[in-house]
Protein backbone atom coordinates (compact mmCIF):
# COMPACT_ATOMS: atom_id res chain seq x y z
CA UNK A 1 0.00 0.00 0.00
CA UNK A 2 1.40 3.41 -0.98
CA UNK A 3 1.78 5.78 1.98
CA UNK A 4 0.25 9.25 1.93
CA UNK A 5 2.17 12.14 3.49
CA UNK A 6 -0.15 12.08 6.49
CA UNK A 7 0.45 8.43 7.27
CA UNK A 8 3.85 7.68 5.74
CA UNK A 9 5.49 7.28 9.15
CA UNK A 10 3.09 4.43 9.98
CA UNK A 11 3.91 2.15 7.07
CA UNK A 12 6.01 -0.95 7.67
CA UNK A 13 4.98 -1.63 11.25
CA UNK A 14 5.11 -5.19 12.50
CA UNK A 15 1.93 -7.09 11.76
CA UNK A 16 -0.06 -9.76 13.50
CA UNK A 17 -1.91 -12.87 12.41
CA UNK A 18 -5.64 -13.46 12.59
CA UNK A 19 -7.19 -16.77 13.48
CA UNK A 20 -8.62 -18.47 10.39
CA UNK A 21 -11.92 -19.60 11.84
CA UNK A 22 -14.57 -18.95 14.47
CA UNK A 23 -14.79 -21.28 17.47
CA UNK A 24 -18.19 -21.90 18.99
CA UNK A 25 -18.50 -23.15 22.58
CA UNK A 26 -21.51 -24.52 24.44
CA UNK A 27 -21.57 -25.74 28.05
CA UNK A 28 -24.31 -28.20 29.00
CA UNK A 29 -25.78 -28.28 32.52
CA UNK A 30 -24.33 -30.74 35.07
CA UNK A 31 -25.97 -34.16 34.91
CA UNK A 32 -28.17 -35.13 37.84
CA UNK A 33 -28.32 -38.91 37.44
CA UNK A 34 -25.94 -41.86 37.23
CA UNK A 35 -28.25 -43.33 34.55
CA UNK A 36 -27.42 -40.56 32.06
CA UNK A 37 -27.26 -41.68 28.40
CA UNK A 38 -26.33 -39.23 25.63
CA UNK A 39 -24.52 -38.47 22.39
CA UNK A 40 -23.36 -35.21 20.78
CA UNK A 41 -23.17 -34.08 17.16
CA UNK A 42 -22.33 -30.95 15.12
CA UNK A 43 -23.36 -29.84 11.61
CA UNK A 44 -21.49 -27.16 9.65
CA UNK A 45 -18.20 -27.70 11.48
CA UNK A 46 -14.68 -28.20 10.21
CA UNK A 47 -13.79 -29.92 13.47
CA UNK A 48 -15.44 -30.55 16.82
CA UNK A 49 -14.55 -31.85 20.25
CA UNK A 50 -16.13 -32.27 23.66
CA UNK A 51 -14.72 -32.76 27.11
CA UNK A 52 -16.07 -33.51 30.58
CA UNK A 53 -15.16 -32.92 34.20
CA UNK A 54 -14.34 -36.63 34.49
CA UNK A 55 -11.74 -36.73 31.67
CA UNK A 56 -10.17 -40.08 32.61
CA UNK A 57 -13.52 -41.85 32.28
CA UNK A 58 -15.74 -39.81 29.96
CA UNK A 59 -14.12 -38.53 26.79
CA UNK A 60 -15.20 -38.20 23.17
CA UNK A 61 -14.07 -39.39 19.74
CA UNK A 62 -15.01 -37.39 16.62
CA UNK A 63 -16.69 -39.54 13.95
CA UNK A 64 -17.36 -37.89 10.59
CA UNK A 65 -20.46 -38.42 8.41
CA UNK A 66 -22.99 -39.41 11.07
CA UNK A 67 -25.56 -41.84 9.61
CA UNK A 68 -27.28 -45.18 10.16
CA UNK A 69 -24.88 -47.84 11.38
CA UNK A 70 -22.51 -45.51 13.26
CA UNK A 71 -21.43 -47.04 16.58
CA UNK A 72 -22.73 -44.77 19.32
CA UNK A 73 -20.52 -45.56 22.35
CA UNK A 74 -17.05 -47.00 22.85
CA UNK A 75 -18.20 -49.54 25.44
CA UNK A 76 -21.35 -50.76 23.64
CA UNK A 77 -21.94 -52.21 20.20
CA UNK A 78 -25.10 -50.14 19.73
CA UNK A 79 -25.61 -48.40 16.39
CA UNK A 80 -27.83 -45.59 15.11
CA UNK A 81 -31.01 -46.31 13.16
CA UNK A 82 -33.50 -43.96 11.49
CA UNK A 83 -31.04 -41.07 11.05
CA UNK A 84 -32.62 -38.79 8.45
CA UNK A 85 -32.21 -35.09 7.65
CA UNK A 86 -30.64 -32.12 9.35
CA UNK A 87 -32.73 -32.43 12.50
CA UNK A 88 -30.94 -35.69 13.28
CA UNK A 89 -27.48 -34.36 12.29
CA UNK A 90 -27.14 -36.63 9.26
CA UNK A 91 -23.71 -36.13 7.70
CA UNK A 92 -22.40 -34.21 10.72
CA UNK A 93 -19.55 -34.89 13.15
CA UNK A 94 -20.68 -37.32 15.84
CA UNK A 95 -18.86 -36.98 19.16
CA UNK A 96 -18.91 -40.56 20.42
CA UNK A 97 -18.84 -40.83 24.23
CA UNK A 98 -16.49 -43.38 25.73
CA UNK A 99 -19.18 -44.38 28.22
CA UNK A 100 -22.72 -45.55 27.58
CA UNK A 101 -23.95 -45.17 31.15
CA UNK A 102 -22.80 -44.93 34.81
CA UNK A 103 -21.63 -41.33 34.41
CA UNK A 104 -21.01 -39.55 37.69
CA UNK A 105 -23.75 -37.27 38.95
CA UNK A 106 -23.06 -33.53 38.39
CA UNK A 107 -20.67 -34.19 35.50
CA UNK A 108 -20.07 -31.06 33.41
CA UNK A 109 -19.78 -31.40 29.63
CA UNK A 110 -18.62 -28.73 27.14
CA UNK A 111 -18.68 -28.83 23.33
CA UNK A 112 -16.40 -26.82 21.05
CA UNK A 113 -16.54 -26.63 17.26
CA UNK A 114 -14.75 -24.73 14.48
CA UNK A 115 -17.20 -23.74 11.74
CA UNK A 116 -16.41 -24.65 8.13
CA UNK A 117 -16.66 -21.10 6.77
CA UNK A 118 -16.43 -19.05 9.94
CA UNK A 119 -20.21 -18.76 10.20
CA UNK A 120 -22.99 -20.49 12.14
CA UNK A 121 -23.11 -24.14 13.19
CA UNK A 122 -25.82 -26.43 14.58
CA UNK A 123 -25.21 -28.52 17.70
CA UNK A 124 -27.13 -31.63 18.75
CA UNK A 125 -27.64 -33.53 21.97
CA UNK A 126 -29.12 -37.01 21.62
CA UNK A 127 -31.10 -37.99 24.72
CA UNK A 128 -32.91 -41.23 25.49
CA UNK A 129 -36.69 -41.22 25.78
CA UNK A 130 -37.27 -44.90 26.55
CA UNK A 131 -35.09 -47.97 27.01
CA UNK A 132 -35.53 -51.69 26.34
CA UNK A 133 -32.03 -53.08 26.72
CA UNK A 134 -33.35 -56.67 26.80
CA UNK A 135 -35.72 -56.27 23.83
CA UNK A 136 -38.67 -57.12 26.03
CA UNK A 137 -41.20 -54.51 24.92
CA UNK A 138 -42.72 -52.72 21.94
CA UNK A 139 -43.70 -49.07 21.77
CA UNK A 140 -47.36 -48.11 21.87
CA UNK A 141 -46.74 -45.24 19.43
CA UNK A 142 -45.67 -47.72 16.74
CA UNK A 143 -48.19 -50.45 17.59
CA UNK A 144 -45.19 -52.50 18.80
CA UNK A 145 -43.87 -52.79 15.23
CA UNK A 146 -40.42 -52.06 16.72
CA UNK A 147 -40.47 -55.14 18.99
CA UNK A 148 -37.47 -57.43 18.33
CA UNK A 149 -37.72 -59.77 21.28
CA UNK A 150 -38.10 -63.59 21.32
CA UNK A 151 -41.67 -64.19 22.53
CA UNK A 152 -42.94 -66.96 20.21
CA UNK A 153 -46.46 -67.75 21.39
CA UNK A 154 -49.81 -66.02 21.22
CA UNK A 155 -51.60 -64.50 24.15
CA UNK A 156 -53.66 -67.69 24.48
CA UNK A 157 -50.57 -69.89 24.49
CA UNK A 158 -50.53 -71.16 20.90
CA UNK A 159 -47.14 -71.74 19.31
CA UNK A 160 -46.26 -69.32 16.50
CA UNK A 161 -45.56 -70.50 12.93
CA UNK A 162 -42.15 -69.60 11.46
CA UNK A 163 -42.26 -66.56 9.18
CA UNK A 164 -40.24 -68.37 6.50
CA UNK A 165 -42.74 -71.28 6.45
CA UNK A 166 -45.96 -71.57 4.46
CA UNK A 167 -47.26 -74.46 6.53
CA UNK A 168 -49.85 -74.78 7.90
CA UNK A 169 -50.80 -71.28 6.68
CA UNK A 170 -49.72 -69.74 3.40
CA UNK A 171 -48.99 -65.98 3.64
CA UNK A 172 -47.12 -63.00 2.16
CA UNK A 173 -45.58 -61.66 5.41
CA UNK A 174 -42.08 -62.80 4.62
CA UNK A 175 -38.68 -61.23 5.27
CA UNK A 176 -38.36 -60.61 1.54
CA UNK A 177 -41.57 -58.58 1.43
CA UNK A 178 -41.05 -56.86 4.82
CA UNK A 179 -37.25 -56.61 5.16
CA UNK A 180 -37.25 -54.11 8.06
CA UNK A 181 -39.77 -55.87 10.27
CA UNK A 182 -37.51 -58.40 11.99
CA UNK A 183 -39.36 -61.46 10.65
CA UNK A 184 -37.03 -64.04 12.20
CA UNK A 185 -37.74 -67.53 13.48
CA UNK A 186 -41.29 -67.63 14.84
CA UNK A 187 -41.09 -64.54 17.04
CA UNK A 188 -44.10 -62.27 17.52
CA UNK A 189 -43.97 -59.26 15.22
CA UNK A 190 -46.20 -56.58 13.63
CA UNK A 191 -44.97 -56.11 10.04
CA UNK A 192 -48.18 -54.46 8.82
CA UNK A 193 -48.75 -52.13 11.79
CA UNK A 194 -51.86 -53.83 13.14
CA UNK A 195 -53.43 -51.45 15.73
CA UNK A 196 -53.69 -54.32 18.25
CA UNK A 197 -49.91 -54.79 18.37
CA UNK A 198 -47.75 -57.85 17.78
CA UNK A 199 -49.15 -61.08 16.37
CA UNK A 200 -48.13 -64.26 14.56
CA UNK A 201 -49.51 -67.08 12.42
CA UNK A 202 -50.21 -70.09 14.61
CA UNK A 203 -49.27 -73.75 14.17
CA UNK A 204 -52.96 -74.62 14.68
CA UNK A 205 -54.47 -75.29 11.25
CA UNK A 206 -57.85 -74.01 12.49
CA UNK A 207 -56.52 -70.72 13.85
CA UNK A 208 -54.70 -68.70 11.19
CA UNK A 209 -53.31 -65.92 13.43
CA UNK A 210 -53.65 -64.52 16.93
CA UNK A 211 -52.35 -61.52 18.90
CA UNK A 212 -49.34 -61.90 21.18
CA UNK A 213 -48.96 -60.63 24.71
CA UNK A 214 -45.86 -58.37 24.43
CA UNK A 215 -45.24 -55.74 27.14
CA UNK A 216 -45.65 -52.09 26.14
CA UNK A 217 -42.52 -49.93 26.42
CA UNK A 218 -42.48 -46.84 28.68
CA UNK A 219 -44.45 -44.11 26.97
CA UNK A 220 -42.43 -41.66 24.89
CA UNK A 221 -42.63 -37.96 25.65
CA UNK A 222 -44.82 -35.98 23.21
CA UNK A 223 -42.93 -34.12 20.51
CA UNK A 224 -41.48 -30.88 21.85
CA UNK A 225 -41.53 -31.97 25.49
CA UNK A 226 -38.95 -33.44 27.85
CA UNK A 227 -39.05 -37.15 28.76
CA UNK A 228 -40.13 -38.06 32.28
CA UNK A 229 -37.65 -40.91 32.86
CA UNK A 230 -34.23 -40.60 34.46
CA UNK A 231 -31.98 -41.10 31.43
CA UNK A 232 -31.79 -37.47 30.24
CA UNK A 233 -30.26 -36.13 33.45
CA UNK A 234 -32.41 -32.97 33.31
CA UNK A 235 -30.74 -31.95 30.06
CA UNK A 236 -33.92 -32.17 28.00
CA UNK A 237 -35.87 -29.72 30.12
CA UNK A 238 -32.92 -27.30 30.22
CA UNK A 239 -32.26 -27.47 26.47
CA UNK A 240 -35.89 -26.81 25.61
CA UNK A 241 -35.81 -23.75 27.87
CA UNK A 242 -32.60 -22.60 26.15
CA UNK A 243 -34.10 -22.46 22.66
CA UNK A 244 -33.33 -25.97 21.41
CA UNK A 245 -35.76 -27.68 19.06
CA UNK A 246 -36.48 -31.38 19.32
CA UNK A 247 -36.86 -34.02 16.60
CA UNK A 248 -39.19 -36.99 16.43
CA UNK A 249 -37.78 -40.06 18.13
CA UNK A 250 -35.54 -42.54 16.34
CA UNK A 251 -33.93 -45.81 17.40
CA UNK A 252 -30.62 -47.29 18.31
CA UNK A 253 -30.00 -51.00 18.17
CA UNK A 254 -27.40 -53.69 18.77
CA UNK A 255 -24.76 -53.82 16.05
CA UNK A 256 -24.71 -57.60 15.74
CA UNK A 257 -28.40 -58.52 15.60
CA UNK A 258 -29.90 -55.15 14.69
CA UNK A 259 -32.33 -55.62 17.56
CA UNK A 260 -34.10 -52.65 19.09
CA UNK A 261 -32.55 -51.20 22.26
CA UNK A 262 -34.17 -47.83 22.81
CA UNK A 263 -35.60 -44.56 21.52
CA UNK A 264 -33.91 -41.22 21.62
CA UNK A 265 -34.47 -37.74 20.26
CA UNK A 266 -32.23 -35.09 18.81
CA UNK A 267 -32.22 -31.72 20.61
CA UNK A 268 -30.69 -29.19 18.24
CA UNK A 269 -29.87 -25.50 18.10
CA UNK A 270 -28.01 -23.14 15.77
CA UNK A 271 -25.12 -21.25 17.35
CA UNK A 272 -24.60 -17.91 15.62
CA UNK A 273 -21.42 -15.90 15.39
CA UNK A 274 -21.37 -13.40 18.24
CA UNK A 275 -20.27 -10.01 16.95
CA UNK A 276 -18.38 -7.69 19.28
CA UNK A 277 -20.74 -6.14 21.80
CA UNK A 278 -21.74 -2.52 21.28
CA UNK A 279 -20.53 -0.07 23.91
CA UNK A 280 -21.94 3.39 24.53
CA UNK A 281 -21.69 6.12 27.14
CA UNK A 282 -24.41 8.74 26.73
CA UNK A 283 -23.91 12.37 27.71
CA UNK A 284 -24.06 12.57 31.53
CA UNK A 285 -25.90 15.02 33.74
CA UNK A 286 -23.27 16.80 35.86
CA UNK A 287 -24.29 18.60 39.07
CA UNK A 288 -22.81 19.94 42.30
CA UNK A 289 -24.09 19.22 45.77
CA UNK A 290 -25.78 21.77 48.06
CA UNK A 291 -24.57 19.92 51.13
CA UNK A 292 -21.10 18.72 50.04
CA UNK A 293 -18.98 21.66 48.90
CA UNK A 294 -16.66 20.84 46.02
CA UNK A 295 -18.28 17.51 45.04
CA UNK A 296 -19.18 17.08 41.34
CA UNK A 297 -21.33 14.15 40.20
CA UNK A 298 -21.71 13.24 36.52
CA UNK A 299 -24.65 10.83 36.35
CA UNK A 300 -24.70 8.36 33.41
CA UNK A 301 -27.88 6.49 32.53
CA UNK A 302 -28.75 4.11 29.67
CA UNK A 303 -25.15 2.90 29.39
CA UNK A 304 -24.66 0.09 26.85
CA UNK A 305 -21.96 -2.41 27.77
CA UNK A 306 -21.71 -6.15 28.53
CA UNK A 307 -21.05 -7.73 31.92
CA UNK A 308 -17.29 -8.15 31.39
CA UNK A 309 -16.74 -4.39 30.98
CA UNK A 310 -15.61 -2.14 33.83
CA UNK A 311 -16.58 1.52 34.23
CA UNK A 312 -13.74 3.58 35.64
CA UNK A 313 -13.04 7.25 36.45
CA UNK A 314 -9.88 9.35 36.16
CA UNK A 315 -9.21 12.96 37.13
CA UNK A 316 -7.03 14.74 34.53
CA UNK A 317 -5.92 18.25 33.74
CA UNK A 318 -8.32 20.64 32.03
CA UNK A 319 -7.16 19.48 28.58
CA UNK A 320 -8.15 15.92 29.51
CA UNK A 321 -4.73 14.58 28.56
CA UNK A 322 -2.31 14.51 31.53
CA UNK A 323 -2.73 13.87 35.23
CA UNK A 324 -4.18 16.68 37.33
CA UNK A 325 -1.48 18.90 38.83
CA UNK A 326 -2.64 20.20 42.20
CA UNK A 327 0.06 22.93 42.33
CA UNK A 328 -1.67 24.76 39.48
CA UNK A 329 -4.49 25.82 41.77
CA UNK A 330 -2.89 26.55 45.12
CA UNK A 331 -2.17 22.90 45.97
CA UNK A 332 -5.88 22.12 45.74
CA UNK A 333 -6.22 18.35 45.24
CA UNK A 334 -9.03 16.69 43.33
CA UNK A 335 -9.81 13.00 43.99
CA UNK A 336 -12.19 10.43 42.54
CA UNK A 337 -14.96 9.85 45.04
CA UNK A 338 -16.15 6.79 43.09
CA UNK A 339 -13.70 4.92 40.89
CA UNK A 340 -15.17 1.85 39.20
CA UNK A 341 -18.02 -0.62 38.85
CA UNK A 342 -18.99 -3.50 36.57
CA UNK A 343 -21.40 -3.12 33.66
CA UNK A 344 -24.44 -5.35 33.22
CA UNK A 345 -28.16 -5.37 32.64
CA UNK A 346 -28.84 -4.88 36.35
CA UNK A 347 -26.83 -1.63 36.51
CA UNK A 348 -29.26 1.28 36.12
CA UNK A 349 -26.63 4.00 36.07
CA UNK A 350 -23.14 5.08 37.02
CA UNK A 351 -21.89 8.11 38.94
CA UNK A 352 -18.53 9.57 37.96
CA UNK A 353 -17.66 11.70 41.00
CA UNK A 354 -14.86 14.14 41.81
CA UNK A 355 -14.21 16.00 45.05
CA UNK A 356 -12.22 19.25 45.28
CA UNK A 357 -10.39 19.80 48.56
CA UNK A 358 -11.55 23.34 49.26
CA UNK A 359 -9.98 23.24 52.74
CA UNK A 360 -6.59 24.05 51.20
CA UNK A 361 -7.74 27.69 51.27
CA UNK A 362 -7.47 28.34 47.54
CA UNK A 363 -9.78 31.06 46.19
CA UNK A 364 -10.67 31.38 42.54
CA UNK A 365 -10.88 28.82 39.74
CA UNK A 366 -10.14 25.11 39.94
CA UNK A 367 -10.22 23.53 36.48
CA UNK A 368 -9.98 19.80 35.80
CA UNK A 369 -11.37 16.99 33.66
CA UNK A 370 -13.46 13.96 34.70
CA UNK A 371 -12.73 11.10 32.27
CA UNK A 372 -15.07 8.11 32.40
CA UNK A 373 -13.87 4.95 30.64
CA UNK A 374 -15.34 1.59 29.60
CA UNK A 375 -12.54 -0.98 29.89
CA UNK A 376 -12.63 -4.48 28.42
CA UNK A 377 -9.70 -6.89 28.58
CA UNK A 378 -7.36 -4.12 29.65
CA UNK A 379 -8.30 -1.92 26.67
CA UNK A 380 -10.19 1.38 26.95
CA UNK A 381 -13.02 0.71 24.49
CA UNK A 382 -15.08 3.88 25.03
CA UNK A 383 -14.81 7.06 27.08
CA UNK A 384 -16.27 10.47 27.78
CA UNK A 385 -14.40 13.46 29.15
CA UNK A 386 -16.09 16.34 30.94
CA UNK A 387 -14.22 19.62 31.52
CA UNK A 388 -15.16 21.08 34.87
CA UNK A 389 -14.60 24.67 36.00
CA UNK A 390 -15.40 25.62 39.61
CA UNK A 391 -14.92 29.01 41.28
CA UNK A 392 -14.43 29.19 45.04
CA UNK A 393 -14.89 32.30 47.19
CA UNK A 394 -14.30 32.86 50.87
CA UNK A 395 -16.75 35.09 52.74
CA UNK A 396 -16.56 33.67 56.22
CA UNK A 397 -16.96 30.25 54.71
CA UNK A 398 -15.97 28.67 51.40
CA UNK A 399 -18.64 28.51 48.74
CA UNK A 400 -18.72 27.40 45.13
CA UNK A 401 -19.88 30.54 43.36
CA UNK A 402 -19.81 29.17 39.80
CA UNK A 403 -19.70 25.79 38.14
CA UNK A 404 -19.92 24.64 34.56
CA UNK A 405 -18.95 21.72 32.35
CA UNK A 406 -18.05 21.84 28.71
CA UNK A 407 -17.56 19.27 26.00
CA UNK A 408 -14.12 17.92 25.23
CA UNK A 409 -13.43 17.49 21.51
CA UNK A 410 -10.36 15.67 20.33
CA UNK A 411 -11.61 13.17 17.81
CA UNK A 412 -11.78 13.77 14.06
CA UNK A 413 -14.64 13.46 11.61
CA UNK A 414 -15.26 13.59 7.82
CA UNK A 415 -14.86 10.09 6.41
CA UNK A 416 -12.55 9.06 3.61
CA UNK A 417 -12.16 5.56 2.17
CA UNK A 418 -9.32 4.25 0.03
CA UNK A 419 -8.92 0.78 -1.45
CA UNK A 420 -6.09 -0.98 -3.19
CA UNK A 421 -6.41 -4.42 -4.73
CA UNK A 422 -3.90 -7.13 -5.52
CA UNK A 423 -6.10 -10.13 -6.27
CA UNK A 424 -8.59 -9.10 -3.60
CA UNK A 425 -10.48 -5.94 -2.77
CA UNK A 426 -11.34 -4.68 0.68
CA UNK A 427 -14.26 -2.36 1.32
CA UNK A 428 -16.28 -1.09 4.23
CA UNK A 429 -19.53 -3.04 4.46
CA UNK A 430 -22.44 -3.54 6.85
CA UNK A 431 -23.39 -6.49 9.03
CA UNK A 432 -25.15 -8.17 6.10
CA UNK A 433 -22.04 -7.94 3.92
CA UNK A 434 -23.41 -5.20 1.64
CA UNK A 435 -20.92 -2.54 0.62
CA UNK A 436 -21.50 0.79 2.38
CA UNK A 437 -22.27 3.67 0.03
CA UNK A 438 -22.33 6.57 2.48
CA UNK A 439 -19.41 8.61 3.76
CA UNK A 440 -20.07 8.41 7.49
CA UNK A 441 -16.97 7.93 9.61
CA UNK A 442 -16.34 5.27 12.21
CA UNK A 443 -17.50 6.29 15.69
CA UNK A 444 -16.05 5.13 18.95
CA UNK A 445 -17.96 2.12 20.30
CA UNK A 446 -19.24 1.01 16.88
CA UNK A 447 -18.21 -2.13 15.03
CA UNK A 448 -16.17 -1.76 11.82
CA UNK A 449 -17.22 -4.28 9.15
CA UNK A 450 -14.56 -4.92 6.48
CA UNK A 451 -15.42 -7.24 3.58
CA UNK A 452 -12.47 -8.75 1.67
CA UNK A 453 -13.40 -10.37 -1.63
CA UNK A 454 -11.41 -12.18 -4.30
CA UNK A 455 -11.29 -10.56 -7.75
CA UNK A 456 -10.73 -13.73 -9.76
CA UNK A 457 -13.45 -16.24 -10.49
CA UNK A 458 -12.86 -19.69 -9.02
CA UNK A 459 -10.74 -18.50 -6.10
CA UNK A 460 -11.38 -18.42 -2.36
CA UNK A 461 -9.73 -16.88 0.69
CA UNK A 462 -8.39 -19.67 2.88
CA UNK A 463 -6.42 -17.79 5.52
CA UNK A 464 -5.49 -14.34 6.80
CA UNK A 465 -1.71 -14.18 6.61
CA UNK A 466 -1.39 -10.93 8.50
CA UNK A 467 -3.22 -7.72 9.34
CA UNK A 468 -1.88 -4.42 10.56
CA UNK A 469 -4.23 -1.92 12.20
CA UNK A 470 -2.40 1.38 12.66
CA UNK A 471 -3.37 4.80 13.93
CA UNK A 472 -2.11 7.85 12.00
CA UNK A 473 -2.40 11.52 12.93
CA UNK A 474 -1.76 14.81 11.20
CA UNK A 475 0.42 16.15 14.01
CA UNK A 476 2.17 13.16 15.55
CA UNK A 477 4.49 10.44 14.38
CA UNK A 478 3.40 8.16 17.18
CA UNK A 479 1.46 5.03 16.33
CA UNK A 480 -0.91 2.55 17.88
CA UNK A 481 -1.40 -1.01 16.68
CA UNK A 482 -4.09 -3.60 17.33
CA UNK A 483 -3.46 -7.31 17.63
CA UNK A 484 -6.28 -8.94 15.68
CA UNK A 485 -6.98 -12.19 17.47
CA UNK A 486 -10.49 -13.62 17.41
CA UNK A 487 -10.00 -15.22 20.80
CA UNK A 488 -10.66 -11.69 22.04
CA UNK A 489 -14.20 -10.42 22.25
CA UNK A 490 -13.58 -7.31 20.11
CA UNK A 491 -12.60 -9.19 16.91
CA UNK A 492 -14.60 -11.70 14.83
CA UNK A 493 -13.59 -13.26 11.48
CA UNK A 494 -16.25 -15.00 9.35
CA UNK A 495 -16.33 -16.53 5.88
CA UNK A 496 -12.90 -18.18 5.70
CA UNK A 497 -12.82 -20.72 2.88
CA UNK A 498 -15.16 -18.74 0.62
CA UNK A 499 -14.71 -15.98 -1.95
CA UNK A 500 -15.56 -13.28 0.59
CA UNK A 501 -14.72 -12.98 4.25
CA UNK A 502 -15.71 -10.41 6.83
CA UNK A 503 -13.55 -9.00 9.61
CA UNK A 504 -15.50 -7.30 12.41
CA UNK A 505 -13.50 -5.09 14.78
CA UNK A 506 -14.49 -2.93 17.71
CA UNK A 507 -11.48 -0.61 18.07
CA UNK A 508 -10.27 0.53 21.49
CA UNK A 509 -10.72 4.19 22.38
CA UNK A 510 -7.00 4.93 21.84
CA UNK A 511 -7.63 4.76 18.09
CA UNK A 512 -10.03 7.74 18.27
CA UNK A 513 -7.88 10.47 19.79
CA UNK A 514 -5.96 13.40 18.26
CA UNK A 515 -7.73 13.68 14.90
CA UNK A 516 -6.63 10.45 13.33
CA UNK A 517 -7.34 7.86 10.70
CA UNK A 518 -7.02 4.10 11.03
CA UNK A 519 -4.88 2.36 8.43
CA UNK A 520 -5.87 -1.28 7.98
CA UNK A 521 -3.70 -3.39 5.70
CA UNK A 522 -2.60 -6.97 5.35
CA UNK A 523 -2.35 -10.12 3.29
CA UNK A 524 -4.72 -13.02 2.73
CA UNK A 525 -4.02 -16.42 1.22
CA UNK A 526 -6.02 -17.01 -1.95
CA UNK A 527 -6.36 -20.51 -3.39
CA UNK A 528 -7.59 -21.37 -6.84
CA UNK A 529 -10.09 -24.12 -7.42
CA UNK A 530 -9.44 -24.19 -11.16
CA UNK A 531 -6.58 -23.37 -13.52
CA UNK A 532 -6.22 -23.48 -17.29
CA UNK A 533 -3.99 -26.05 -18.95
CA UNK A 534 -2.82 -25.87 -22.58
CA UNK A 535 -3.88 -29.05 -24.38
CA UNK A 536 -2.93 -28.01 -27.89
CA UNK A 537 -1.79 -24.83 -29.66
CA UNK A 538 -5.43 -24.04 -30.39
CA UNK A 539 -7.26 -25.33 -27.37
CA UNK A 540 -7.51 -24.37 -23.73
CA UNK A 541 -9.32 -26.48 -21.19
CA UNK A 542 -10.06 -25.91 -17.52
CA UNK A 543 -8.53 -28.46 -15.19
CA UNK A 544 -8.50 -28.83 -11.43
CA UNK A 545 -4.96 -28.73 -10.04
CA UNK A 546 -3.88 -30.18 -6.71
CA UNK A 547 -4.01 -26.77 -5.00
CA UNK A 548 -2.54 -23.47 -6.11
CA UNK A 549 -2.27 -20.52 -3.77
CA UNK A 550 -0.84 -17.04 -3.60
CA UNK A 551 -0.91 -14.06 -1.29
CA UNK A 552 -3.05 -11.04 -2.08
CA UNK A 553 -2.69 -7.65 -0.40
CA UNK A 554 -5.43 -5.30 0.74
CA UNK A 555 -5.49 -1.87 2.33
CA UNK A 556 -8.02 0.61 3.72
CA UNK A 557 -7.85 4.06 5.27
CA UNK A 558 -10.74 4.62 7.67
CA UNK A 559 -11.45 8.06 9.06
CA UNK A 560 -12.96 8.22 12.52
CA UNK A 561 -15.30 10.61 14.24
CA UNK A 562 -15.95 11.35 17.89
CA UNK A 563 -19.01 10.28 19.70
CA UNK A 564 -18.64 13.73 21.28
CA UNK A 565 -17.54 13.45 24.88
CA UNK A 566 -19.64 16.14 26.44
CA UNK A 567 -22.06 17.03 29.14
CA UNK A 568 -25.37 18.64 28.29
CA UNK A 569 -23.80 22.07 27.88
CA UNK A 570 -25.48 23.46 30.97
CA UNK A 571 -24.02 26.17 33.17
CA UNK A 572 -24.71 26.23 36.87
CA UNK A 573 -24.10 28.77 39.59
CA UNK A 574 -24.18 28.41 43.35
CA UNK A 575 -24.82 31.55 45.40
CA UNK A 576 -25.23 32.25 49.09
CA UNK A 577 -28.80 33.20 49.96
CA UNK A 578 -29.39 33.85 53.63
CA UNK A 579 -26.29 31.78 54.38
CA UNK A 580 -27.75 28.70 52.58
CA UNK A 581 -26.18 27.53 49.29
CA UNK A 582 -28.73 27.43 46.46
CA UNK A 583 -28.48 26.04 42.91
CA UNK A 584 -29.32 28.44 40.07
CA UNK A 585 -29.70 27.31 36.44
CA UNK A 586 -28.72 29.90 33.83
């Protein structure tokens, strides 16, 4: 990228790498039963893993292409049956538990998955609705057509005729005609879904067929509800309350005989990419106290910030840049009366307070700045600075005779955008990936969406080699840089492996001071899916090579604008009326 005169000193800084994918994490609730039976699966993932709080006993093996016949547990030869469609994770990565049962109570289990293209994934928890480990029952919902036990006599005690025999009764209910009905030996079955349940042809020539007396399995939970038995360990109820959907039931069976073992359901949910949280400090309402001379309170309400953000206060000089120097105003010190608190939905407001030590005897002005910051991961992500001017007079007692706050401006505006393409092009876009057409500048606290797209057909961006985010000013040669690492909450990368990726960044506040621009530049790895091969002097044909790749460079200059750090512009005056301080608005 060619440097302009304003930013030439910033070019060539060391750069940093960006993670190539987005990792999703989901923590399941602790189990509450030793009878817990489960399986996990992920769709839309490049890789997936799970781990538990009993790692030496319960661990997981990733099995690709989940489908019928996949072995479900390491210590049981039970396989999946009836796996169909996305709601049952067909084709996904199955995380096979090492243990079928006897899992410790209160075991914690966490799933992690890397999405294929940096976007959303779907996670699945398979939970048992009903069990028949000895094949001794048939489900009422299926008229016992799923029974695979060895009862071979009717309810009245007559011996059943073999299904592969036509004597004494000729029939069409054979294994060839009903291959999935378990028509083995002379066991009771229900190949044609008779409403009365299992039956068989009898060996009595005068009695063609009779119903069998097969126990009914425990009743399955209705679709969309949690099972009432103990096998789900309270997961089902929790997952339904957490936005999971639930599939119809399907079976698992023994690998050797294909005999029914139990029913389970798939509880599934899409995990979406979490963009950096928006942060915002509105203009505060700053006041003085009638009863506490020299105390200034700037009250913030409707603050926007997540729980992991801290609100902090600093007292600076009047220019809001360096520490307050008490010698400037007759050794009058100013301290923070309230220094920090944690953000969150339960925090209704925040008071940034400063207290002037009027007892030093100084008369006249005391000027300082109250800077309120939102700090996340050690970075100042947003701030507001309020200039405060207080005038003290002594007439038998010290009084504040005037007080005002004024806005502090130190952040530039007027957007400019520049692009340079070497195989890819980078442009400012919105959350949906559409290219922005306006000229509005980036404001502190807002997310920057950068879309990087390949210029050549049949190519895709497979990795971010490096990115440099630099701060440039018109008056300073100093620089700031940002380590782009999507393990941090202020950076998200989506779309790796496709022709267009998106980098979402929430820049720290230090990038918005002293009238600056942000220079974003870097390299991405571009791989071709097709190349052209010369077959003859007159013919060209497309062919797929092993893999060809090259680096492509991109660059952007993003102007930034202040979210003006100001109070409401009010002036206040405190006067002595009959010896009692009063607050006058002017």
